[in-house]
Amino acid sequence: MGRMLAATAALAMATGAPAQDYARYSDDAIAREMAAKVDAEMIALVPMRDGVGLATNIYRPKGARGPLPTIL
């Protein structure tokens, strides 16, 4: 049982480190990828039925035209 636990722990530690690719998910990398694929409109006021404006950030695929699906 002790050997199996030690082998499992060693395997888990050996395979975890290569899976971490921090450079790919850094803030700068994400900002570059978003700029290449997305048109962003920051802090737009969307009118609600009660007349209040809801401050939102709007992200659209680059070059998209016409009505698009929306999630609020």
Protein backbone atom coordinates (compact mmCIF):
# COMPACT_ATOMS: atom_id res chain seq x y z
CA MET A 1 0.00 0.00 0.00
CA GLY A 2 2.83 2.39 0.87
CA ARG A 3 4.56 1.77 -2.46
CA MET A 4 1.36 2.40 -4.37
CA LEU A 5 0.75 5.67 -2.52
CA ALA A 6 4.34 6.80 -3.11
CA ALA A 7 4.15 5.90 -6.81
CA THR A 8 0.84 7.73 -7.22
CA ALA A 9 2.19 10.82 -5.45
CA ALA A 10 5.36 10.81 -7.58
CA LEU A 11 3.34 10.45 -10.77
CA ALA A 12 1.01 13.29 -9.79
CA MET A 13 3.93 15.62 -9.03
CA ALA A 14 5.83 14.69 -12.20
CA THR A 15 2.93 15.33 -14.58
CA GLY A 16 1.52 18.49 -12.98
CA ALA A 17 4.41 20.87 -13.61
CA PRO A 18 4.55 20.58 -17.43
CA ALA A 19 0.81 21.18 -17.62
CA GLN A 20 1.17 24.68 -16.17
CA ASP A 21 1.59 27.20 -19.00
CA TYR A 22 1.40 30.51 -17.16
CA ALA A 23 2.70 32.58 -20.09
CA ARG A 24 -0.25 31.50 -22.22
CA TYR A 25 -2.78 32.75 -19.65
CA SER A 26 -1.06 35.93 -18.45
CA ASP A 27 -3.02 39.17 -18.51
CA ASP A 28 -0.96 40.47 -21.44
CA ALA A 29 -1.48 37.31 -23.50
CA ILE A 30 -5.23 37.38 -22.90
CA ALA A 31 -5.41 41.10 -23.80
CA ARG A 32 -3.54 40.47 -27.09
CA GLU A 33 -5.82 37.58 -28.02
CA MET A 34 -8.95 39.58 -27.15
CA ALA A 35 -7.75 42.55 -29.24
CA ALA A 36 -7.25 40.25 -32.23
CA LYS A 37 -10.67 38.59 -32.03
CA VAL A 38 -13.06 40.99 -30.27
CA ASP A 39 -14.43 44.51 -30.63
CA ALA A 40 -15.01 45.85 -27.11
CA GLU A 41 -17.21 48.77 -26.09
CA MET A 42 -16.45 49.57 -22.49
CA ILE A 43 -19.03 50.99 -20.09
CA ALA A 44 -22.02 51.43 -22.36
CA LEU A 45 -25.31 52.39 -20.69
CA VAL A 46 -28.10 49.98 -21.61
CA PRO A 47 -31.56 51.39 -20.79
CA MET A 48 -33.76 49.16 -18.62
CA ARG A 49 -37.58 49.17 -18.54
CA ASP A 50 -37.64 51.30 -15.38
CA GLY A 51 -35.53 53.99 -17.06
CA VAL A 52 -32.31 53.23 -15.22
CA GLY A 53 -29.17 52.81 -17.32
CA LEU A 54 -27.25 49.59 -16.67
CA ALA A 55 -23.48 50.08 -17.07
CA THR A 56 -22.12 47.23 -19.20
CA ASN A 57 -19.12 46.16 -21.22
CA ILE A 58 -20.06 44.88 -24.68
CA TYR A 59 -17.89 42.34 -26.49
CA ARG A 60 -18.63 41.45 -30.13
CA PRO A 61 -16.74 39.20 -32.55
CA LYS A 62 -14.57 41.35 -34.86
CA GLY A 63 -16.43 42.26 -38.02
CA ALA A 64 -19.83 41.02 -36.80
CA ARG A 65 -22.82 42.88 -38.24
CA GLY A 66 -26.52 42.81 -37.51
CA PRO A 67 -28.37 41.56 -34.46
CA LEU A 68 -26.28 39.32 -32.19
CA PRO A 69 -27.24 37.07 -29.27
CA THR A 70 -26.92 38.82 -25.90
CA ILE A 71 -26.41 37.61 -22.35
CA LEU A 72 -27.04 40.02 -19.46
